[in-house]
Structures are given as C-alpha cells and as structure tokens.
Amino acid sequence: MYDDKGAGQPILLIHGHPFDRTMWRPQLDHFSQTHRVITPDLRGYGEHKTTATKTPLSTHAKDLNDLLHELEIDTAIVGGLSMGGQIAMEFYRTYPHRVKALMLADTFPDGETEEGHRARNAMADRLLREGMASYAEEVIWKMVAPYNKHAADHVMAMMKNTDPTGAAAGLRGRAERPDYVETLKTISIPTLVVVGRDDEYTPVGVAERMRDLIPGATLEVIEGAAHLPNLERQTEFDRAFQRFLNTVG
C-alpha cells in the first residue's frame, strides 16, 4: 500500500482526494535518484481499503507516523497536495519531531465552515449513492486545466478507481478538520508553499497568505497549471521542489 524507492534523506509525499499514491509517480521516479521517496495510499484510497464511515485527518496522520516507525525513519521531508497538504499540517501539528521540512501544495489551512461541512457530507452521501464516475466527470477540468489534457487520463482513472466508501469517509473526516492557521505561525523548519497559477480550488492568494503566515516560507507559483501542478507541469514542479530541497540541510 506504499512505494518506497531510492536512498538517502527520506521524502514522504501525501496524495490528495480522491486520488491515490500514483499521483506522485513522476516525483517518485525523479527524486528517488537522490532521496528515499515514500508514497503511501491513504486509508480508504488506492489499495488501502476501509469500512469506516469517517476518517479524520488525525487518523491519516497517525497512519503515516506508524508507517515511518515501521520503516525505521526518524525524520522526513513531508509534502502533501490539497487534502494531503492538510494532512501534512496535521502531521506537523501532532508529530513535529518527525518533520525535517514541509512542502504544502495547492492546499489551505482554514477550518471547515458550516456550509462546507454540509457540502462535504452531502457529497459523501452522493458518492455512496452514485459512485465516483459522475463526480469525476464534473471536476476533471478543475483538477486539471483544460489545456493540460495530457494529464487528464491519469487523473480521471485515479478518481474513478477510488472506492466510494473510502472517499466518503475521507470527506466526512475532512469536514471536521481543525483550523491550522495558528499551527502555521509556529512552523520553525524550512517550508515551501506551491500552487498552480490557475488553481480554482486554492487560488494563488491563498498560497500567498500561507507563505506570509509561515516564518521564512518560500512560495513557488507554477505557471500553466491548475490544482495538480506536479502532474500538469511535472518539469516545472520538480525544478521548484528541487530548489527547495537544495536549501534543506
């Protein structure tokens, strides 16, 4: 339920919703030339099945902590995208001693609103009732910009192959997430914020605010990308991440 490739300083990459660990396959292949890269399936996604009705972000963070313990890894550079970025923030909040550096991509730190809580639970009900296909068709061109059709097949396959039970549990857990704004203010390790220029879910302004909240953080805006810049603009994303890695001792 996870890939572990390469040697050296560990990098733990956390996928978003409703995806799986193959979201990070390009980065697994590229950065494993110089680092040990671990890309797990989150609980309820990919090959990590669940029968739970709700999976809080804290459960995902504990699973990741248990994985690092199993792999005998004390600290890692931790990166996450979208929901994965929120899990990375939860992981830092709960296990700061495990995190050497942070990469937060196309994500946001605020707690859920009442409207968002209702919407996520309603979507969870819909996914259980209808499955993933119609939802995937609706959101594909927000996940991936229409001019990046080369990435669409992979993204569509991940979404359609996600177990609705796991996706619904993830949504219900995410609907109860805490606010991470105060946590961001306490971060004292190297941190990179990344965002696609045309991301509608987490616009550049949100990333700029995160950069300003985190002491010493840097921001990379990936041109020509929406919500999944690591797949839409792999070369540009990898260069940005490599620039960050070069600053991490």
C-alpha atoms as a PDB file:
ATOM      1  CA  MET A   1       0.000   0.000   0.000  1.00  0.00           C
ATOM      2  CA  TYR A   2       3.019   2.236  -0.384  1.00  0.00           C
ATOM      3  CA  ASP A   3       6.000   2.694  -2.668  1.00  0.00           C
ATOM      4  CA  ASP A   4       9.464   3.093  -1.171  1.00  0.00           C
ATOM      5  CA  LYS A   5      12.198   3.888  -3.660  1.00  0.00           C
ATOM      6  CA  GLY A   6      15.730   5.249  -3.553  1.00  0.00           C
ATOM      7  CA  ALA A   7      18.127   6.005  -0.713  1.00  0.00           C
ATOM      8  CA  GLY A   8      19.220   8.995   1.331  1.00  0.00           C
ATOM      9  CA  GLN A   9      17.159  11.669   3.076  1.00  0.00           C
ATOM     10  CA  PRO A  10      13.551  10.401   3.184  1.00  0.00           C
ATOM     11  CA  ILE A  11      10.746  12.309   1.461  1.00  0.00           C
ATOM     12  CA  LEU A  12       7.166  11.391   2.403  1.00  0.00           C
ATOM     13  CA  LEU A  13       4.589  12.533  -0.190  1.00  0.00           C
ATOM     14  CA  ILE A  14       0.875  12.572   0.699  1.00  0.00           C
ATOM     15  CA  HIS A  15      -1.716  12.422  -2.060  1.00  0.00           C
ATOM     16  CA  GLY A  16      -4.980  14.342  -2.228  1.00  0.00           C
ATOM     17  CA  HIS A  17      -8.649  13.398  -2.560  1.00  0.00           C
ATOM     18  CA  PRO A  18      -9.914  11.416  -4.395  1.00  0.00           C
ATOM     19  CA  PHE A  19      -6.584  10.110  -5.662  1.00  0.00           C
ATOM     20  CA  ASP A  20      -4.006   7.504  -4.713  1.00  0.00           C
ATOM     21  CA  ARG A  21      -0.253   7.176  -4.390  1.00  0.00           C
ATOM     22  CA  THR A  22       0.247   7.074  -8.183  1.00  0.00           C
ATOM     23  CA  MET A  23      -0.442  10.810  -8.100  1.00  0.00           C
ATOM     24  CA  TRP A  24       3.207  11.139  -7.068  1.00  0.00           C
ATOM     25  CA  ARG A  25       4.650   8.594  -9.521  1.00  0.00           C
ATOM     26  CA  PRO A  26       6.610  11.194 -11.550  1.00  0.00           C
ATOM     27  CA  GLN A  27       8.181  12.565  -8.366  1.00  0.00           C
ATOM     28  CA  LEU A  28       8.828   9.072  -7.013  1.00  0.00           C
ATOM     29  CA  ASP A  29      10.813   8.241 -10.130  1.00  0.00           C
ATOM     30  CA  HIS A  30      12.624  11.577 -10.329  1.00  0.00           C
ATOM     31  CA  PHE A  31      13.584  12.303  -6.732  1.00  0.00           C
ATOM     32  CA  SER A  32      14.445   8.710  -5.832  1.00  0.00           C
ATOM     33  CA  GLN A  33      17.643   9.289  -7.788  1.00  0.00           C
ATOM     34  CA  THR A  34      18.898  11.393  -4.873  1.00  0.00           C
ATOM     35  CA  HIS A  35      16.497  10.686  -1.976  1.00  0.00           C
ATOM     36  CA  ARG A  36      14.463   7.890  -0.436  1.00  0.00           C
ATOM     37  CA  VAL A  37      10.886   8.619  -1.537  1.00  0.00           C
ATOM     38  CA  ILE A  38       7.862   7.079   0.199  1.00  0.00           C
ATOM     39  CA  THR A  39       4.403   7.447  -1.356  1.00  0.00           C
ATOM     40  CA  PRO A  40       1.618   5.706   0.601  1.00  0.00           C
ATOM     41  CA  ASP A  41      -2.026   5.146  -0.208  1.00  0.00           C
ATOM     42  CA  LEU A  42      -4.084   6.913   2.432  1.00  0.00           C
ATOM     43  CA  ARG A  43      -6.677   4.947   4.365  1.00  0.00           C
ATOM     44  CA  GLY A  44      -9.700   4.435   2.093  1.00  0.00           C
ATOM     45  CA  TYR A  45      -7.812   5.281  -1.104  1.00  0.00           C
ATOM     46  CA  GLY A  46      -5.944   3.164  -3.639  1.00  0.00           C
ATOM     47  CA  GLU A  47      -5.109  -0.229  -2.170  1.00  0.00           C
ATOM     48  CA  HIS A  48      -5.669   0.869   1.441  1.00  0.00           C
ATOM     49  CA  LYS A  49      -9.286  -0.113   1.951  1.00  0.00           C
ATOM     50  CA  THR A  50     -11.547   0.879   4.827  1.00  0.00           C
ATOM     51  CA  THR A  51     -15.035   0.103   6.079  1.00  0.00           C
ATOM     52  CA  ALA A  52     -15.100   3.209   8.288  1.00  0.00           C
ATOM     53  CA  THR A  53     -17.793   5.814   7.762  1.00  0.00           C
ATOM     54  CA  LYS A  54     -15.479   8.700   8.729  1.00  0.00           C
ATOM     55  CA  THR A  55     -11.702   9.074   8.542  1.00  0.00           C
ATOM     56  CA  PRO A  56     -10.428  12.213  10.308  1.00  0.00           C
ATOM     57  CA  LEU A  57      -7.200  13.885   9.212  1.00  0.00           C
ATOM     58  CA  SER A  58      -5.748  12.829  12.564  1.00  0.00           C
ATOM     59  CA  THR A  59      -6.248   9.174  11.589  1.00  0.00           C
ATOM     60  CA  HIS A  60      -4.356   9.704   8.347  1.00  0.00           C
ATOM     61  CA  ALA A  61      -1.557  11.432  10.277  1.00  0.00           C
ATOM     62  CA  LYS A  62      -1.335   8.553  12.748  1.00  0.00           C
ATOM     63  CA  ASP A  63      -1.195   6.054   9.888  1.00  0.00           C
ATOM     64  CA  LEU A  64       1.737   7.989   8.406  1.00  0.00           C
ATOM     65  CA  ASN A  65       3.507   8.139  11.750  1.00  0.00           C
ATOM     66  CA  ASP A  66       3.053   4.388  12.125  1.00  0.00           C
ATOM     67  CA  LEU A  67       4.460   3.887   8.622  1.00  0.00           C
ATOM     68  CA  LEU A  68       7.583   5.913   9.377  1.00  0.00           C
ATOM     69  CA  HIS A  69       8.026   3.896  12.567  1.00  0.00           C
ATOM     70  CA  GLU A  70       7.646   0.661  10.611  1.00  0.00           C
ATOM     71  CA  LEU A  71      10.246   1.841   8.091  1.00  0.00           C
ATOM     72  CA  GLU A  72      12.573   2.930  10.936  1.00  0.00           C
ATOM     73  CA  ILE A  73      12.584   6.529   9.694  1.00  0.00           C
ATOM     74  CA  ASP A  74      13.037   9.162  12.399  1.00  0.00           C
ATOM     75  CA  THR A  75      12.508  12.313  10.316  1.00  0.00           C
ATOM     76  CA  ALA A  76      11.389  13.047   6.772  1.00  0.00           C
ATOM     77  CA  ILE A  77      10.746  15.904   4.415  1.00  0.00           C
ATOM     78  CA  VAL A  78       6.945  15.817   4.334  1.00  0.00           C
ATOM     79  CA  GLY A  79       4.930  17.067   1.377  1.00  0.00           C
ATOM     80  CA  GLY A  80       1.245  16.988   0.598  1.00  0.00           C
ATOM     81  CA  LEU A  81      -1.150  18.339  -2.006  1.00  0.00           C
ATOM     82  CA  SER A  82      -4.720  19.527  -1.369  1.00  0.00           C
ATOM     83  CA  MET A  83      -6.155  17.222   1.328  1.00  0.00           C
ATOM     84  CA  GLY A  84      -2.661  15.780   1.511  1.00  0.00           C
ATOM     85  CA  GLY A  85      -1.392  19.233   2.429  1.00  0.00           C
ATOM     86  CA  GLN A  86      -3.918  19.439   5.249  1.00  0.00           C
ATOM     87  CA  ILE A  87      -2.783  16.024   6.444  1.00  0.00           C
ATOM     88  CA  ALA A  88       0.810  17.301   6.309  1.00  0.00           C
ATOM     89  CA  MET A  89      -0.219  20.230   8.520  1.00  0.00           C
ATOM     90  CA  GLU A  90      -1.950  17.830  10.924  1.00  0.00           C
ATOM     91  CA  PHE A  91       1.146  15.619  10.878  1.00  0.00           C
ATOM     92  CA  TYR A  92       3.360  18.587  11.751  1.00  0.00           C
ATOM     93  CA  ARG A  93       0.941  19.699  14.489  1.00  0.00           C
ATOM     94  CA  THR A  94       0.918  16.249  16.061  1.00  0.00           C
ATOM     95  CA  TYR A  95       4.399  14.891  15.294  1.00  0.00           C
ATOM     96  CA  PRO A  96       6.658  17.932  14.755  1.00  0.00           C
ATOM     97  CA  HIS A  97       9.741  15.937  15.754  1.00  0.00           C
ATOM     98  CA  ARG A  98       9.211  13.760  12.677  1.00  0.00           C
ATOM     99  CA  VAL A  99       9.310  16.621  10.149  1.00  0.00           C
ATOM    100  CA  LYS A 100      12.590  17.957   8.785  1.00  0.00           C
ATOM    101  CA  ALA A 101      10.966  20.232   6.177  1.00  0.00           C
ATOM    102  CA  LEU A 102       7.498  20.833   4.726  1.00  0.00           C
ATOM    103  CA  MET A 103       6.088  21.188   1.225  1.00  0.00           C
ATOM    104  CA  LEU A 104       2.451  22.336   1.097  1.00  0.00           C
ATOM    105  CA  ALA A 105       0.947  22.297  -2.392  1.00  0.00           C
ATOM    106  CA  ASP A 106      -2.435  23.603  -3.577  1.00  0.00           C
ATOM    107  CA  THR A 107      -3.941  23.474  -0.099  1.00  0.00           C
ATOM    108  CA  PHE A 108      -5.370  25.767   2.555  1.00  0.00           C
ATOM    109  CA  PRO A 109      -5.148  25.914   6.362  1.00  0.00           C
ATOM    110  CA  ASP A 110      -8.586  27.107   7.484  1.00  0.00           C
ATOM    111  CA  GLY A 111     -11.026  25.008   9.461  1.00  0.00           C
ATOM    112  CA  GLU A 112     -14.222  23.899   7.790  1.00  0.00           C
ATOM    113  CA  THR A 113     -17.176  26.292   7.649  1.00  0.00           C
ATOM    114  CA  GLU A 114     -20.741  25.259   8.447  1.00  0.00           C
ATOM    115  CA  GLU A 115     -21.567  25.474   4.743  1.00  0.00           C
ATOM    116  CA  GLY A 116     -18.522  23.407   3.842  1.00  0.00           C
ATOM    117  CA  HIS A 117     -19.413  20.829   6.485  1.00  0.00           C
ATOM    118  CA  ARG A 118     -22.849  20.394   4.937  1.00  0.00           C
ATOM    119  CA  ALA A 119     -21.475  20.298   1.398  1.00  0.00           C
ATOM    120  CA  ARG A 120     -18.832  17.650   2.136  1.00  0.00           C
ATOM    121  CA  ASN A 121     -21.319  15.420   3.925  1.00  0.00           C
ATOM    122  CA  ALA A 122     -23.805  15.844   1.091  1.00  0.00           C
ATOM    123  CA  MET A 123     -21.098  14.890  -1.401  1.00  0.00           C
ATOM    124  CA  ALA A 124     -20.217  11.847   0.708  1.00  0.00           C
ATOM    125  CA  ASP A 125     -23.850  10.756   0.517  1.00  0.00           C
ATOM    126  CA  ARG A 126     -23.829  11.295  -3.243  1.00  0.00           C
ATOM    127  CA  LEU A 127     -20.659   9.250  -3.795  1.00  0.00           C
ATOM    128  CA  LEU A 128     -22.116   6.349  -1.833  1.00  0.00           C
ATOM    129  CA  ARG A 129     -25.326   6.590  -3.818  1.00  0.00           C
ATOM    130  CA  GLU A 130     -23.951   7.194  -7.336  1.00  0.00           C
ATOM    131  CA  GLY A 131     -20.317   6.078  -7.295  1.00  0.00           C
ATOM    132  CA  MET A 132     -17.336   8.128  -8.463  1.00  0.00           C
ATOM    133  CA  ALA A 133     -17.854   8.430 -12.231  1.00  0.00           C
ATOM    134  CA  SER A 134     -20.249  11.382 -12.493  1.00  0.00           C
ATOM    135  CA  TYR A 135     -18.328  13.351  -9.863  1.00  0.00           C
ATOM    136  CA  ALA A 136     -15.066  12.720 -11.711  1.00  0.00           C
ATOM    137  CA  GLU A 137     -16.562  13.947 -14.977  1.00  0.00           C
ATOM    138  CA  GLU A 138     -17.780  17.125 -13.272  1.00  0.00           C
ATOM    139  CA  VAL A 139     -14.494  18.130 -11.663  1.00  0.00           C
ATOM    140  CA  ILE A 140     -11.817  16.877 -14.062  1.00  0.00           C
ATOM    141  CA  TRP A 141     -11.249  20.279 -15.707  1.00  0.00           C
ATOM    142  CA  LYS A 142     -10.855  21.953 -12.327  1.00  0.00           C
ATOM    143  CA  MET A 143      -8.432  19.317 -11.111  1.00  0.00           C
ATOM    144  CA  VAL A 144      -6.525  19.633 -14.402  1.00  0.00           C
ATOM    145  CA  ALA A 145      -6.657  22.750 -16.566  1.00  0.00           C
ATOM    146  CA  PRO A 146      -8.306  22.109 -19.963  1.00  0.00           C
ATOM    147  CA  TYR A 147      -5.053  22.977 -21.740  1.00  0.00           C
ATOM    148  CA  ASN A 148      -3.302  20.128 -19.868  1.00  0.00           C
ATOM    149  CA  LYS A 149      -5.179  17.230 -21.421  1.00  0.00           C
ATOM    150  CA  HIS A 150      -2.019  15.097 -21.265  1.00  0.00           C
ATOM    151  CA  ALA A 151      -2.605  14.671 -17.509  1.00  0.00           C
ATOM    152  CA  ALA A 152      -6.353  14.106 -17.653  1.00  0.00           C
ATOM    153  CA  ASP A 153      -6.420  10.345 -18.316  1.00  0.00           C
ATOM    154  CA  HIS A 154      -4.306   9.545 -15.251  1.00  0.00           C
ATOM    155  CA  VAL A 155      -6.296  11.892 -13.019  1.00  0.00           C
ATOM    156  CA  MET A 156      -9.628  10.560 -14.289  1.00  0.00           C
ATOM    157  CA  ALA A 157      -8.513   6.963 -13.702  1.00  0.00           C
ATOM    158  CA  MET A 158      -7.474   7.717 -10.124  1.00  0.00           C
ATOM    159  CA  MET A 159     -10.801   9.349  -9.343  1.00  0.00           C
ATOM    160  CA  LYS A 160     -12.963   6.684 -10.973  1.00  0.00           C
ATOM    161  CA  ASN A 161     -10.992   3.863  -9.356  1.00  0.00           C
ATOM    162  CA  THR A 162     -11.332   5.291  -5.844  1.00  0.00           C
ATOM    163  CA  ASP A 163     -13.620   3.270  -3.576  1.00  0.00           C
ATOM    164  CA  PRO A 164     -16.708   5.431  -2.837  1.00  0.00           C
ATOM    165  CA  THR A 165     -16.735   4.130   0.734  1.00  0.00           C
ATOM    166  CA  GLY A 166     -13.212   5.380   1.348  1.00  0.00           C
ATOM    167  CA  ALA A 167     -13.819   8.667  -0.444  1.00  0.00           C
ATOM    168  CA  ALA A 168     -16.995   9.310   1.567  1.00  0.00           C
ATOM    169  CA  ALA A 169     -15.210   8.519   4.832  1.00  0.00           C
ATOM    170  CA  GLY A 170     -12.423  10.902   3.852  1.00  0.00           C
ATOM    171  CA  LEU A 171     -14.898  13.676   3.061  1.00  0.00           C
ATOM    172  CA  ARG A 172     -16.726  13.268   6.360  1.00  0.00           C
ATOM    173  CA  GLY A 173     -13.446  13.377   8.254  1.00  0.00           C
ATOM    174  CA  ARG A 174     -12.218  16.399   6.333  1.00  0.00           C
ATOM    175  CA  ALA A 175     -15.493  18.188   7.076  1.00  0.00           C
ATOM    176  CA  GLU A 176     -14.481  18.177  10.755  1.00  0.00           C
ATOM    177  CA  ARG A 177     -10.897  19.347  10.291  1.00  0.00           C
ATOM    178  CA  PRO A 178      -9.461  21.887  12.726  1.00  0.00           C
ATOM    179  CA  ASP A 179      -8.042  25.278  11.814  1.00  0.00           C
ATOM    180  CA  TYR A 180      -4.309  25.157  11.086  1.00  0.00           C
ATOM    181  CA  VAL A 181      -3.689  28.905  10.854  1.00  0.00           C
ATOM    182  CA  GLU A 182      -2.134  29.101  14.324  1.00  0.00           C
ATOM    183  CA  THR A 183      -0.106  25.980  13.596  1.00  0.00           C
ATOM    184  CA  LEU A 184       1.392  27.634  10.514  1.00  0.00           C
ATOM    185  CA  LYS A 185       2.597  30.537  12.649  1.00  0.00           C
ATOM    186  CA  THR A 186       4.612  28.117  14.804  1.00  0.00           C
ATOM    187  CA  ILE A 187       6.437  26.313  11.995  1.00  0.00           C
ATOM    188  CA  SER A 188      10.173  26.631  12.523  1.00  0.00           C
ATOM    189  CA  ILE A 189      11.504  24.389   9.758  1.00  0.00           C
ATOM    190  CA  PRO A 190      12.096  25.066   6.039  1.00  0.00           C
ATOM    191  CA  THR A 191       8.724  25.268   4.286  1.00  0.00           C
ATOM    192  CA  LEU A 192       7.762  25.519   0.638  1.00  0.00           C
ATOM    193  CA  VAL A 193       4.286  26.575  -0.497  1.00  0.00           C
ATOM    194  CA  VAL A 194       3.428  25.598  -4.082  1.00  0.00           C
ATOM    195  CA  VAL A 195       0.357  26.440  -6.154  1.00  0.00           C
ATOM    196  CA  GLY A 196      -0.754  26.223  -9.756  1.00  0.00           C
ATOM    197  CA  ARG A 197      -1.340  29.657 -11.268  1.00  0.00           C
ATOM    198  CA  ASP A 198      -4.850  28.697 -12.430  1.00  0.00           C
ATOM    199  CA  ASP A 199      -5.956  26.652  -9.412  1.00  0.00           C
ATOM    200  CA  GLU A 200      -9.621  27.416  -8.704  1.00  0.00           C
ATOM    201  CA  TYR A 201      -9.811  25.332  -5.529  1.00  0.00           C
ATOM    202  CA  THR A 202      -6.864  27.024  -3.788  1.00  0.00           C
ATOM    203  CA  PRO A 203      -6.064  30.261  -5.631  1.00  0.00           C
ATOM    204  CA  VAL A 204      -2.688  31.958  -5.582  1.00  0.00           C
ATOM    205  CA  GLY A 205      -3.936  34.423  -2.970  1.00  0.00           C
ATOM    206  CA  VAL A 206      -4.454  31.568  -0.513  1.00  0.00           C
ATOM    207  CA  ALA A 207      -0.910  30.345  -1.100  1.00  0.00           C
ATOM    208  CA  GLU A 208       0.444  33.862  -0.618  1.00  0.00           C
ATOM    209  CA  ARG A 209      -1.368  34.078   2.705  1.00  0.00           C
ATOM    210  CA  MET A 210       0.127  30.763   3.803  1.00  0.00           C
ATOM    211  CA  ARG A 211       3.589  31.950   2.789  1.00  0.00           C
ATOM    212  CA  ASP A 212       3.092  35.056   4.902  1.00  0.00           C
ATOM    213  CA  LEU A 213       1.849  33.075   7.914  1.00  0.00           C
ATOM    214  CA  ILE A 214       4.792  30.655   7.988  1.00  0.00           C
ATOM    215  CA  PRO A 215       8.042  32.209   9.219  1.00  0.00           C
ATOM    216  CA  GLY A 216      10.646  32.107   6.462  1.00  0.00           C
ATOM    217  CA  ALA A 217       8.473  30.171   3.997  1.00  0.00           C
ATOM    218  CA  THR A 218       9.004  30.422   0.243  1.00  0.00           C
ATOM    219  CA  LEU A 219       6.349  30.378  -2.469  1.00  0.00           C
ATOM    220  CA  GLU A 220       6.536  28.834  -5.937  1.00  0.00           C
ATOM    221  CA  VAL A 221       3.722  29.553  -8.417  1.00  0.00           C
ATOM    222  CA  ILE A 222       3.655  27.009 -11.239  1.00  0.00           C
ATOM    223  CA  GLU A 223       2.586  28.667 -14.463  1.00  0.00           C
ATOM    224  CA  GLY A 224       0.233  26.815 -16.768  1.00  0.00           C
ATOM    225  CA  ALA A 225      -1.203  24.545 -14.079  1.00  0.00           C
ATOM    226  CA  ALA A 226      -4.387  24.232 -12.047  1.00  0.00           C
ATOM    227  CA  HIS A 227      -4.857  22.006  -8.965  1.00  0.00           C
ATOM    228  CA  LEU A 228      -2.333  19.262  -9.795  1.00  0.00           C
ATOM    229  CA  PRO A 229       0.846  21.035 -10.928  1.00  0.00           C
ATOM    230  CA  ASN A 230       3.017  18.004 -10.173  1.00  0.00           C
ATOM    231  CA  LEU A 231       1.211  16.162 -12.996  1.00  0.00           C
ATOM    232  CA  GLU A 232       0.258  19.065 -15.263  1.00  0.00           C
ATOM    233  CA  ARG A 233       3.683  20.719 -15.274  1.00  0.00           C
ATOM    234  CA  GLN A 234       5.962  17.997 -13.957  1.00  0.00           C
ATOM    235  CA  THR A 235       9.242  19.574 -15.057  1.00  0.00           C
ATOM    236  CA  GLU A 236       8.444  22.979 -13.579  1.00  0.00           C
ATOM    237  CA  PHE A 237       7.110  21.454 -10.359  1.00  0.00           C
ATOM    238  CA  ASP A 238      10.146  19.222  -9.944  1.00  0.00           C
ATOM    239  CA  ARG A 239      12.507  22.145 -10.510  1.00  0.00           C
ATOM    240  CA  ALA A 240      10.697  24.167  -7.853  1.00  0.00           C
ATOM    241  CA  PHE A 241      10.813  21.289  -5.385  1.00  0.00           C
ATOM    242  CA  GLN A 242      14.498  20.682  -6.180  1.00  0.00           C
ATOM    243  CA  ARG A 243      15.328  24.328  -5.471  1.00  0.00           C
ATOM    244  CA  PHE A 244      13.700  23.853  -2.080  1.00  0.00           C
ATOM    245  CA  LEU A 245      15.478  20.574  -1.393  1.00  0.00           C
ATOM    246  CA  ASN A 246      18.784  22.289  -2.121  1.00  0.00           C
ATOM    247  CA  THR A 247      18.120  24.562   0.878  1.00  0.00           C
ATOM    248  CA  VAL A 248      17.357  21.720   3.285  1.00  0.00           C
ATOM    249  CA  GLY A 249      20.454  20.600   5.144  1.00  0.00           C
END
